[in-house]
Amino acid sequence: MNATTPSEASVEKIRAVYDGHAAFYAPSVVTDAALFLDALLATAADHGHEADADGLGGLTMAAADAASRKHGLPRPERTAPEAYALHAALREALVAEGLVLSSYCPIRMGVGVDPLPGGPSWGMDQVGLAVALFVNSGWDLLANTARTRAFSIYAPATPGGAAEVAGIVHGILRGDLADPFRTWNR
């Protein structure tokens, strides 16, 4: 099975799993997980299991977990030049989204973005958001302030993944996506 478009049922199951986590998942990660789930269910069917049978729910969790791990911490660690190239791709993608890069970002290896007029902002200084990426981490979303909570963004560590991260940041700044700093109390 080498499909490029996952079944809608698998996409819904994966989104349901990911919606329960205090993190963000790029569309390509959802697709990757759903394709994996389709393959797992096809294999289960080849072995006589019905796709909607009790006991196959663990396959959804396995596919969701495998895709998020694949797009989380790098193994082996990326090099500093690779991290710098991803930061450059992220800056480019944020600007392409119409966002203004902040002139101040206290987060080491972070790229700050100013808040949008009428959109949410954070902290006493009403700052925007920042995205950090280290040699030993995936993408992290933070408020653009020195003391902040971090939320993982699961996306490929590629220029295309950087564009998906920029889309998520833009969605939060517009108010189209849930504000993790106000909605997740975990």
N, C-alpha and C. Protein backbone atom coordinates (compact mmCIF):
# COMPACT_ATOMS: atom_id res chain seq x y z
N MET A 1 0.85 -1.18 0.00
CA MET A 1 0.00 0.00 0.00
C MET A 1 0.89 1.24 0.00
N ASN A 2 0.77 2.05 -1.04
CA ASN A 2 1.59 3.24 -1.17
C ASN A 2 0.71 4.45 -1.48
N ALA A 3 -0.37 4.61 -0.76
CA ALA A 3 -1.30 5.71 -1.00
C ALA A 3 -0.66 7.03 -0.59
N THR A 4 -1.10 8.10 -1.22
CA THR A 4 -0.61 9.43 -0.85
C THR A 4 -1.70 10.25 -0.16
N THR A 5 -2.92 9.77 -0.23
CA THR A 5 -4.04 10.45 0.43
C THR A 5 -4.65 9.48 1.43
N PRO A 6 -4.66 9.86 2.70
CA PRO A 6 -5.22 8.96 3.71
C PRO A 6 -6.75 8.96 3.68
N SER A 7 -7.33 7.94 4.26
CA SER A 7 -8.78 7.90 4.37
C SER A 7 -9.25 8.99 5.34
N GLU A 8 -10.42 9.51 5.10
CA GLU A 8 -10.97 10.54 5.99
C GLU A 8 -11.18 10.00 7.39
N ALA A 9 -11.56 8.73 7.49
CA ALA A 9 -11.77 8.12 8.81
C ALA A 9 -10.47 8.11 9.61
N SER A 10 -9.35 7.79 8.96
CA SER A 10 -8.07 7.78 9.67
C SER A 10 -7.64 9.19 10.06
N VAL A 11 -7.88 10.16 9.18
CA VAL A 11 -7.55 11.56 9.51
C VAL A 11 -8.34 11.99 10.74
N GLU A 12 -9.63 11.67 10.78
CA GLU A 12 -10.46 12.04 11.93
C GLU A 12 -9.96 11.37 13.21
N LYS A 13 -9.58 10.11 13.13
CA LYS A 13 -9.09 9.40 14.32
C LYS A 13 -7.78 10.02 14.82
N ILE A 14 -6.89 10.33 13.91
CA ILE A 14 -5.60 10.93 14.29
C ILE A 14 -5.83 12.32 14.88
N ARG A 15 -6.67 13.12 14.26
CA ARG A 15 -6.95 14.46 14.80
C ARG A 15 -7.56 14.37 16.19
N ALA A 16 -8.41 13.39 16.42
CA ALA A 16 -9.00 13.21 17.75
C ALA A 16 -7.93 12.92 18.79
N VAL A 17 -6.94 12.11 18.42
CA VAL A 17 -5.84 11.83 19.36
C VAL A 17 -5.03 13.11 19.60
N TYR A 18 -4.64 13.77 18.53
CA TYR A 18 -3.80 14.95 18.66
C TYR A 18 -4.51 16.11 19.35
N ASP A 19 -5.82 16.22 19.17
CA ASP A 19 -6.56 17.31 19.82
C ASP A 19 -6.52 17.21 21.34
N GLY A 20 -6.23 16.04 21.86
CA GLY A 20 -6.16 15.86 23.30
C GLY A 20 -4.80 16.21 23.89
N HIS A 21 -3.86 16.62 23.05
CA HIS A 21 -2.51 16.94 23.52
C HIS A 21 -2.27 18.45 23.53
N ALA A 22 -1.42 18.90 24.45
CA ALA A 22 -1.05 20.32 24.53
C ALA A 22 0.12 20.56 23.58
N ALA A 23 -0.15 20.42 22.29
CA ALA A 23 0.86 20.60 21.26
C ALA A 23 0.13 20.93 19.95
N PHE A 24 0.92 21.27 18.94
CA PHE A 24 0.37 21.53 17.62
C PHE A 24 0.96 20.53 16.64
N TYR A 25 0.17 20.15 15.65
CA TYR A 25 0.58 19.16 14.67
C TYR A 25 0.36 19.73 13.28
N ALA A 26 1.44 19.81 12.51
CA ALA A 26 1.35 20.31 11.14
C ALA A 26 0.48 19.38 10.31
N PRO A 27 -0.18 19.91 9.29
CA PRO A 27 -1.02 19.06 8.44
C PRO A 27 -0.26 17.85 7.86
N SER A 28 1.01 18.03 7.52
CA SER A 28 1.76 16.91 6.96
C SER A 28 1.98 15.80 7.98
N VAL A 29 2.06 16.15 9.26
CA VAL A 29 2.22 15.13 10.31
C VAL A 29 0.91 14.37 10.48
N VAL A 30 -0.21 15.07 10.44
CA VAL A 30 -1.52 14.42 10.52
C VAL A 30 -1.67 13.45 9.34
N THR A 31 -1.30 13.89 8.15
CA THR A 31 -1.38 13.04 6.96
C THR A 31 -0.47 11.82 7.10
N ASP A 32 0.76 12.04 7.57
CA ASP A 32 1.71 10.95 7.77
C ASP A 32 1.14 9.91 8.74
N ALA A 33 0.60 10.37 9.85
CA ALA A 33 0.03 9.45 10.84
C ALA A 33 -1.20 8.72 10.29
N ALA A 34 -2.04 9.43 9.55
CA ALA A 34 -3.24 8.81 9.00
C ALA A 34 -2.88 7.77 7.93
N LEU A 35 -1.88 8.05 7.12
CA LEU A 35 -1.43 7.06 6.13
C LEU A 35 -0.89 5.81 6.83
N PHE A 36 -0.15 6.03 7.91
CA PHE A 36 0.39 4.90 8.68
C PHE A 36 -0.76 4.09 9.28
N LEU A 37 -1.77 4.79 9.80
CA LEU A 37 -2.93 4.10 10.36
C LEU A 37 -3.65 3.29 9.28
N ASP A 38 -3.83 3.88 8.10
CA ASP A 38 -4.46 3.12 7.00
C ASP A 38 -3.67 1.84 6.71
N ALA A 39 -2.33 1.95 6.70
CA ALA A 39 -1.50 0.78 6.42
C ALA A 39 -1.62 -0.26 7.54
N LEU A 40 -1.66 0.20 8.78
CA LEU A 40 -1.82 -0.73 9.90
C LEU A 40 -3.17 -1.44 9.83
N LEU A 41 -4.22 -0.69 9.51
CA LEU A 41 -5.55 -1.30 9.41
C LEU A 41 -5.63 -2.27 8.24
N ALA A 42 -4.95 -1.95 7.13
CA ALA A 42 -4.93 -2.86 5.99
C ALA A 42 -4.21 -4.15 6.37
N THR A 43 -3.13 -4.03 7.10
CA THR A 43 -2.41 -5.22 7.56
C THR A 43 -3.29 -6.03 8.51
N ALA A 44 -3.99 -5.34 9.40
CA ALA A 44 -4.91 -6.04 10.32
C ALA A 44 -5.98 -6.78 9.53
N ALA A 45 -6.52 -6.14 8.48
CA ALA A 45 -7.53 -6.79 7.65
C ALA A 45 -6.96 -8.02 6.95
N ASP A 46 -5.70 -7.90 6.50
CA ASP A 46 -5.05 -9.06 5.86
C ASP A 46 -4.93 -10.24 6.81
N HIS A 47 -4.97 -9.95 8.10
CA HIS A 47 -4.87 -11.01 9.12
C HIS A 47 -6.23 -11.35 9.72
N GLY A 48 -7.30 -10.90 9.05
CA GLY A 48 -8.64 -11.30 9.46
C GLY A 48 -9.31 -10.42 10.49
N HIS A 49 -8.74 -9.27 10.80
CA HIS A 49 -9.37 -8.36 11.76
C HIS A 49 -10.23 -7.34 11.02
N GLU A 50 -11.37 -7.02 11.61
CA GLU A 50 -12.22 -5.99 11.04
C GLU A 50 -11.71 -4.62 11.48
N ALA A 51 -11.72 -3.66 10.57
CA ALA A 51 -11.14 -2.34 10.84
C ALA A 51 -11.78 -1.63 12.02
N ASP A 52 -13.07 -1.89 12.24
CA ASP A 52 -13.74 -1.20 13.35
C ASP A 52 -13.92 -2.10 14.57
N ALA A 53 -13.22 -3.20 14.59
CA ALA A 53 -13.36 -4.15 15.69
C ALA A 53 -12.76 -3.59 16.98
N ASP A 54 -13.33 -4.03 18.10
CA ASP A 54 -12.76 -3.66 19.40
C ASP A 54 -11.33 -4.17 19.46
N GLY A 55 -10.50 -3.42 20.12
CA GLY A 55 -9.11 -3.84 20.28
C GLY A 55 -8.16 -3.29 19.25
N LEU A 56 -8.66 -2.64 18.22
CA LEU A 56 -7.78 -2.06 17.21
C LEU A 56 -7.53 -0.57 17.45
N GLY A 57 -8.11 -0.02 18.51
CA GLY A 57 -7.90 1.39 18.82
C GLY A 57 -6.44 1.71 19.13
N GLY A 58 -5.72 0.71 19.61
CA GLY A 58 -4.30 0.90 19.89
C GLY A 58 -3.51 1.21 18.63
N LEU A 59 -4.01 0.78 17.48
CA LEU A 59 -3.31 1.09 16.23
C LEU A 59 -3.35 2.59 15.96
N THR A 60 -4.45 3.23 16.30
CA THR A 60 -4.54 4.69 16.13
C THR A 60 -3.51 5.38 17.00
N MET A 61 -3.42 4.96 18.24
CA MET A 61 -2.43 5.56 19.15
C MET A 61 -1.02 5.30 18.66
N ALA A 62 -0.77 4.10 18.16
CA ALA A 62 0.57 3.77 17.67
C ALA A 62 0.95 4.63 16.47
N ALA A 63 0.01 4.83 15.54
CA ALA A 63 0.29 5.65 14.36
C ALA A 63 0.52 7.11 14.75
N ALA A 64 -0.32 7.61 15.65
CA ALA A 64 -0.17 9.00 16.10
C ALA A 64 1.16 9.21 16.81
N ASP A 65 1.51 8.28 17.68
CA ASP A 65 2.76 8.38 18.42
C ASP A 65 3.97 8.27 17.50
N ALA A 66 3.92 7.33 16.56
CA ALA A 66 5.06 7.15 15.65
C ALA A 66 5.29 8.40 14.81
N ALA A 67 4.23 9.02 14.30
CA ALA A 67 4.40 10.21 13.46
C ALA A 67 4.91 11.39 14.28
N SER A 68 4.42 11.56 15.51
CA SER A 68 4.90 12.68 16.30
C SER A 68 6.35 12.47 16.72
N ARG A 69 6.73 11.24 17.02
CA ARG A 69 8.14 10.97 17.35
C ARG A 69 9.04 11.22 16.15
N LYS A 70 8.58 10.85 14.98
CA LYS A 70 9.35 11.05 13.75
C LYS A 70 9.64 12.53 13.51
N HIS A 71 8.71 13.39 13.91
CA HIS A 71 8.84 14.82 13.66
C HIS A 71 9.10 15.61 14.94
N GLY A 72 9.61 14.97 15.96
CA GLY A 72 9.93 15.63 17.22
C GLY A 72 11.43 15.78 17.37
N LEU A 73 11.97 15.15 18.39
CA LEU A 73 13.40 15.25 18.66
C LEU A 73 14.22 14.58 17.56
N PRO A 74 15.24 15.27 17.07
CA PRO A 74 16.04 14.68 15.99
C PRO A 74 16.98 13.59 16.51
N ARG A 75 17.08 12.52 15.79
CA ARG A 75 18.01 11.44 16.11
C ARG A 75 18.78 11.12 14.84
N PRO A 76 20.06 11.35 14.73
CA PRO A 76 20.92 12.04 15.70
C PRO A 76 20.64 13.55 15.68
N GLU A 77 21.25 14.26 16.63
CA GLU A 77 21.06 15.70 16.68
C GLU A 77 21.46 16.34 15.36
N ARG A 78 20.73 17.40 15.00
CA ARG A 78 21.11 18.13 13.79
C ARG A 78 22.34 18.96 14.09
N THR A 79 23.04 19.37 13.08
CA THR A 79 24.22 20.21 13.26
C THR A 79 23.79 21.66 13.41
N ALA A 80 24.67 22.48 13.94
CA ALA A 80 24.37 23.92 14.07
C ALA A 80 24.06 24.54 12.71
N PRO A 81 24.83 24.27 11.65
CA PRO A 81 24.46 24.84 10.35
C PRO A 81 23.07 24.40 9.87
N GLU A 82 22.67 23.16 10.17
CA GLU A 82 21.32 22.71 9.81
C GLU A 82 20.28 23.51 10.59
N ALA A 83 20.52 23.74 11.88
CA ALA A 83 19.58 24.52 12.69
C ALA A 83 19.49 25.96 12.16
N TYR A 84 20.62 26.55 11.82
CA TYR A 84 20.62 27.93 11.29
C TYR A 84 19.86 28.01 9.96
N ALA A 85 20.02 26.99 9.12
CA ALA A 85 19.30 26.97 7.85
C ALA A 85 17.79 26.86 8.08
N LEU A 86 17.39 26.07 9.08
CA LEU A 86 15.96 25.96 9.39
C LEU A 86 15.42 27.27 9.95
N HIS A 87 16.23 27.98 10.74
CA HIS A 87 15.82 29.29 11.24
C HIS A 87 15.63 30.27 10.09
N ALA A 88 16.53 30.23 9.13
CA ALA A 88 16.40 31.11 7.96
C ALA A 88 15.12 30.78 7.19
N ALA A 89 14.85 29.49 7.02
CA ALA A 89 13.62 29.07 6.34
C ALA A 89 12.39 29.51 7.12
N LEU A 90 12.46 29.44 8.45
CA LEU A 90 11.34 29.87 9.28
C LEU A 90 11.11 31.37 9.14
N ARG A 91 12.19 32.15 9.23
CA ARG A 91 12.04 33.61 9.08
C ARG A 91 11.40 33.95 7.74
N GLU A 92 11.87 33.30 6.69
CA GLU A 92 11.32 33.52 5.36
C GLU A 92 9.83 33.14 5.30
N ALA A 93 9.48 32.03 5.90
CA ALA A 93 8.09 31.57 5.90
C ALA A 93 7.18 32.49 6.71
N LEU A 94 7.68 32.98 7.84
CA LEU A 94 6.88 33.91 8.66
C LEU A 94 6.60 35.19 7.89
N VAL A 95 7.61 35.71 7.21
CA VAL A 95 7.44 36.93 6.40
C VAL A 95 6.48 36.64 5.25
N ALA A 96 6.59 35.47 4.62
CA ALA A 96 5.67 35.10 3.54
C ALA A 96 4.23 35.02 4.03
N GLU A 97 4.05 34.71 5.31
CA GLU A 97 2.71 34.68 5.92
C GLU A 97 2.19 36.09 6.20
N GLY A 98 3.02 37.10 5.98
CA GLY A 98 2.62 38.48 6.23
C GLY A 98 2.87 38.93 7.66
N LEU A 99 3.68 38.18 8.40
CA LEU A 99 3.97 38.52 9.79
C LEU A 99 5.22 39.39 9.87
N VAL A 100 5.30 40.18 10.93
CA VAL A 100 6.45 41.07 11.15
C VAL A 100 7.35 40.43 12.20
N LEU A 101 8.60 40.22 11.82
CA LEU A 101 9.57 39.66 12.75
C LEU A 101 9.88 40.69 13.83
N SER A 102 9.94 40.23 15.05
CA SER A 102 10.22 41.11 16.18
C SER A 102 11.71 41.47 16.19
N SER A 103 11.99 42.71 16.55
CA SER A 103 13.39 43.13 16.65
C SER A 103 14.01 42.62 17.95
N TYR A 104 13.20 42.09 18.85
CA TYR A 104 13.67 41.59 20.13
C TYR A 104 13.15 40.18 20.36
N CYS A 105 14.05 39.27 20.68
CA CYS A 105 13.65 37.90 21.02
C CYS A 105 14.62 37.39 22.07
N PRO A 106 14.18 37.31 23.33
CA PRO A 106 15.07 36.86 24.40
C PRO A 106 15.30 35.35 24.42
N ILE A 107 14.63 34.63 23.54
CA ILE A 107 14.73 33.18 23.52
C ILE A 107 15.90 32.78 22.64
N ARG A 108 16.87 32.13 23.27
CA ARG A 108 18.04 31.68 22.52
C ARG A 108 17.59 30.76 21.40
N MET A 109 18.10 30.97 20.23
CA MET A 109 17.74 30.21 19.03
C MET A 109 16.25 30.35 18.70
N GLY A 110 15.70 31.51 19.05
CA GLY A 110 14.30 31.77 18.76
C GLY A 110 14.13 32.83 17.70
N VAL A 111 12.98 32.78 17.04
CA VAL A 111 12.59 33.79 16.06
C VAL A 111 11.29 34.39 16.58
N GLY A 112 11.31 35.68 16.90
CA GLY A 112 10.14 36.35 17.45
C GLY A 112 9.28 36.98 16.37
N VAL A 113 7.98 37.04 16.64
CA VAL A 113 7.01 37.64 15.73
C VAL A 113 6.14 38.60 16.53
N ASP A 114 5.91 39.79 15.98
CA ASP A 114 5.06 40.77 16.65
C ASP A 114 3.60 40.32 16.61
N PRO A 115 2.81 40.76 17.61
CA PRO A 115 1.37 40.42 17.57
C PRO A 115 0.69 41.15 16.41
N LEU A 116 -0.45 40.66 16.01
CA LEU A 116 -1.24 41.29 14.96
C LEU A 116 -2.23 42.27 15.58
N PRO A 117 -2.52 43.37 14.91
CA PRO A 117 -3.53 44.30 15.43
C PRO A 117 -4.86 43.57 15.65
N GLY A 118 -5.41 43.70 16.83
CA GLY A 118 -6.68 43.07 17.16
C GLY A 118 -6.57 41.61 17.56
N GLY A 119 -5.37 41.04 17.45
CA GLY A 119 -5.17 39.63 17.82
C GLY A 119 -4.66 39.53 19.24
N PRO A 120 -4.47 38.32 19.71
CA PRO A 120 -3.99 38.14 21.09
C PRO A 120 -2.53 38.57 21.22
N SER A 121 -2.17 38.91 22.45
CA SER A 121 -0.77 39.19 22.80
C SER A 121 -0.57 38.65 24.21
N TRP A 122 0.68 38.62 24.65
CA TRP A 122 1.00 37.94 25.89
C TRP A 122 1.90 38.78 26.78
N GLY A 123 1.74 38.59 28.08
CA GLY A 123 2.60 39.24 29.06
C GLY A 123 2.25 40.69 29.29
N MET A 124 2.93 41.26 30.26
CA MET A 124 2.69 42.67 30.59
C MET A 124 3.08 43.60 29.45
N ASP A 125 4.04 43.17 28.63
CA ASP A 125 4.49 44.00 27.52
C ASP A 125 3.68 43.76 26.24
N GLN A 126 2.68 42.89 26.32
CA GLN A 126 1.82 42.58 25.17
C GLN A 126 2.63 42.15 23.95
N VAL A 127 3.48 41.14 24.15
CA VAL A 127 4.36 40.65 23.10
C VAL A 127 3.65 39.63 22.21
N GLY A 128 4.32 39.28 21.13
CA GLY A 128 3.83 38.26 20.22
C GLY A 128 4.39 36.90 20.58
N LEU A 129 4.62 36.10 19.59
CA LEU A 129 5.09 34.72 19.79
C LEU A 129 6.52 34.55 19.31
N ALA A 130 7.12 33.46 19.70
CA ALA A 130 8.44 33.08 19.22
C ALA A 130 8.44 31.58 18.95
N VAL A 131 9.28 31.19 18.01
CA VAL A 131 9.49 29.78 17.72
C VAL A 131 10.97 29.50 17.89
N ALA A 132 11.28 28.46 18.63
CA ALA A 132 12.68 28.08 18.84
C ALA A 132 12.92 26.70 18.24
N LEU A 133 14.13 26.49 17.81
CA LEU A 133 14.56 25.20 17.30
C LEU A 133 16.04 25.07 17.63
N PHE A 134 16.38 24.02 18.35
CA PHE A 134 17.76 23.78 18.76
C PHE A 134 18.31 22.59 18.01
N VAL A 135 19.59 22.32 18.18
CA VAL A 135 20.18 21.16 17.52
C VAL A 135 19.58 19.87 18.05
N ASN A 136 19.07 19.89 19.29
CA ASN A 136 18.54 18.68 19.91
C ASN A 136 17.04 18.78 20.23
N SER A 137 16.31 19.59 19.48
CA SER A 137 14.87 19.72 19.75
C SER A 137 14.09 19.80 18.45
N GLY A 138 12.79 19.64 18.61
CA GLY A 138 11.88 19.93 17.52
C GLY A 138 11.50 21.40 17.60
N TRP A 139 10.46 21.78 16.89
CA TRP A 139 9.97 23.15 16.91
C TRP A 139 9.25 23.40 18.23
N ASP A 140 9.51 24.55 18.87
CA ASP A 140 8.84 24.93 20.12
C ASP A 140 8.20 26.30 19.96
N LEU A 141 6.96 26.42 20.41
CA LEU A 141 6.23 27.68 20.40
C LEU A 141 6.28 28.29 21.79
N LEU A 142 6.62 29.58 21.87
CA LEU A 142 6.71 30.28 23.14
C LEU A 142 6.15 31.68 22.98
N ALA A 143 5.79 32.31 24.08
CA ALA A 143 5.52 33.74 24.05
C ALA A 143 6.88 34.41 23.91
N ASN A 144 6.94 35.53 23.24
CA ASN A 144 8.22 36.21 22.99
C ASN A 144 8.65 37.01 24.21
N THR A 145 8.90 36.29 25.28
CA THR A 145 9.31 36.89 26.54
C THR A 145 10.30 35.94 27.23
N ALA A 146 11.07 36.47 28.17
CA ALA A 146 12.11 35.66 28.80
C ALA A 146 11.56 34.50 29.61
N ARG A 147 10.41 34.66 30.24
CA ARG A 147 9.82 33.59 31.06
C ARG A 147 8.52 33.16 30.39
N THR A 148 8.52 31.96 29.88
CA THR A 148 7.37 31.50 29.13
C THR A 148 7.29 29.98 29.17
N ARG A 149 6.15 29.48 28.88
CA ARG A 149 5.93 28.05 28.74
C ARG A 149 6.15 27.70 27.27
N ALA A 150 6.64 26.51 27.01
CA ALA A 150 6.87 26.06 25.64
C ALA A 150 5.86 24.99 25.26
N PHE A 151 5.41 25.06 24.02
CA PHE A 151 4.51 24.06 23.44
C PHE A 151 5.18 23.50 22.20
N SER A 152 5.16 22.20 22.06
CA SER A 152 5.76 21.57 20.89
C SER A 152 4.89 21.79 19.66
N ILE A 153 5.56 22.00 18.54
CA ILE A 153 4.91 21.99 17.24
C ILE A 153 5.55 20.84 16.48
N TYR A 154 4.77 19.84 16.17
CA TYR A 154 5.29 18.70 15.42
C TYR A 154 5.15 19.00 13.94
N ALA A 155 6.29 19.18 13.30
CA ALA A 155 6.36 19.48 11.88
C ALA A 155 7.71 18.99 11.38
N PRO A 156 7.81 18.68 10.10
CA PRO A 156 9.10 18.25 9.57
C PRO A 156 10.16 19.34 9.76
N ALA A 157 11.39 18.92 9.96
CA ALA A 157 12.53 19.84 10.08
C ALA A 157 13.07 20.09 8.68
N THR A 158 12.23 20.75 7.88
CA THR A 158 12.53 21.07 6.49
C THR A 158 12.00 22.46 6.20
N PRO A 159 12.37 23.07 5.08
CA PRO A 159 11.75 24.35 4.72
C PRO A 159 10.22 24.25 4.61
N GLY A 160 9.73 23.14 4.09
CA GLY A 160 8.28 22.94 4.03
C GLY A 160 7.66 22.86 5.41
N GLY A 161 8.35 22.19 6.33
CA GLY A 161 7.89 22.14 7.72
C GLY A 161 7.91 23.52 8.36
N ALA A 162 8.94 24.30 8.05
CA ALA A 162 9.01 25.67 8.57
C ALA A 162 7.81 26.49 8.08
N ALA A 163 7.40 26.27 6.84
CA ALA A 163 6.22 26.96 6.32
C ALA A 163 4.96 26.53 7.06
N GLU A 164 4.86 25.25 7.41
CA GLU A 164 3.70 24.79 8.19
C GLU A 164 3.72 25.39 9.59
N VAL A 165 4.90 25.50 10.19
CA VAL A 165 5.03 26.13 11.51
C VAL A 165 4.58 27.58 11.42
N ALA A 166 5.02 28.29 10.38
CA ALA A 166 4.62 29.69 10.20
C ALA A 166 3.10 29.81 10.06
N GLY A 167 2.49 28.87 9.38
CA GLY A 167 1.03 28.89 9.25
C GLY A 167 0.33 28.70 10.59
N ILE A 168 0.88 27.84 11.43
CA ILE A 168 0.32 27.64 12.77
C ILE A 168 0.47 28.91 13.60
N VAL A 169 1.66 29.52 13.57
CA VAL A 169 1.89 30.76 14.32
C VAL A 169 0.92 31.84 13.85
N HIS A 170 0.75 31.96 12.55
CA HIS A 170 -0.17 32.97 12.01
C HIS A 170 -1.60 32.69 12.47
N GLY A 171 -2.00 31.43 12.48
CA GLY A 171 -3.34 31.07 12.94
C GLY A 171 -3.58 31.44 14.39
N ILE A 172 -2.58 31.27 15.24
CA ILE A 172 -2.72 31.66 16.65
C ILE A 172 -2.79 33.18 16.77
N LEU A 173 -1.92 33.87 16.04
CA LEU A 173 -1.90 35.34 16.12
C LEU A 173 -3.19 35.96 15.57
N ARG A 174 -3.82 35.31 14.60
CA ARG A 174 -5.11 35.80 14.07
C ARG A 174 -6.25 35.46 15.00
N GLY A 175 -6.04 34.47 15.87
CA GLY A 175 -7.11 34.00 16.74
C GLY A 175 -7.90 32.86 16.12
N ASP A 176 -7.43 32.32 14.99
CA ASP A 176 -8.11 31.20 14.34
C ASP A 176 -7.82 29.87 15.02
N LEU A 177 -6.66 29.76 15.65
CA LEU A 177 -6.29 28.55 16.40
C LEU A 177 -6.30 28.88 17.88
N ALA A 178 -6.56 27.87 18.68
CA ALA A 178 -6.64 28.07 20.13
C ALA A 178 -5.33 28.65 20.67
N ASP A 179 -5.45 29.59 21.58
CA ASP A 179 -4.30 30.19 22.24
C ASP A 179 -3.84 29.22 23.32
N PRO A 180 -2.71 28.55 23.11
CA PRO A 180 -2.30 27.52 24.07
C PRO A 180 -1.98 28.08 25.45
N PHE A 181 -1.58 29.33 25.52
CA PHE A 181 -1.19 29.92 26.80
C PHE A 181 -2.41 30.24 27.67
N ARG A 182 -3.60 30.23 27.06
CA ARG A 182 -4.82 30.50 27.81
C ARG A 182 -5.77 29.32 27.86
N THR A 183 -5.61 28.36 26.94
CA THR A 183 -6.59 27.28 26.87
C THR A 183 -6.11 25.96 27.43
N TRP A 184 -4.79 25.73 27.49
CA TRP A 184 -4.29 24.46 28.01
C TRP A 184 -3.69 24.70 29.38
N ASN A 185 -4.30 24.10 30.36
CA ASN A 185 -3.83 24.27 31.74
C ASN A 185 -3.20 22.99 32.27
N ARG A 186 -2.37 22.36 31.49
CA ARG A 186 -1.75 21.11 31.91
C ARG A 186 -0.35 21.36 32.34
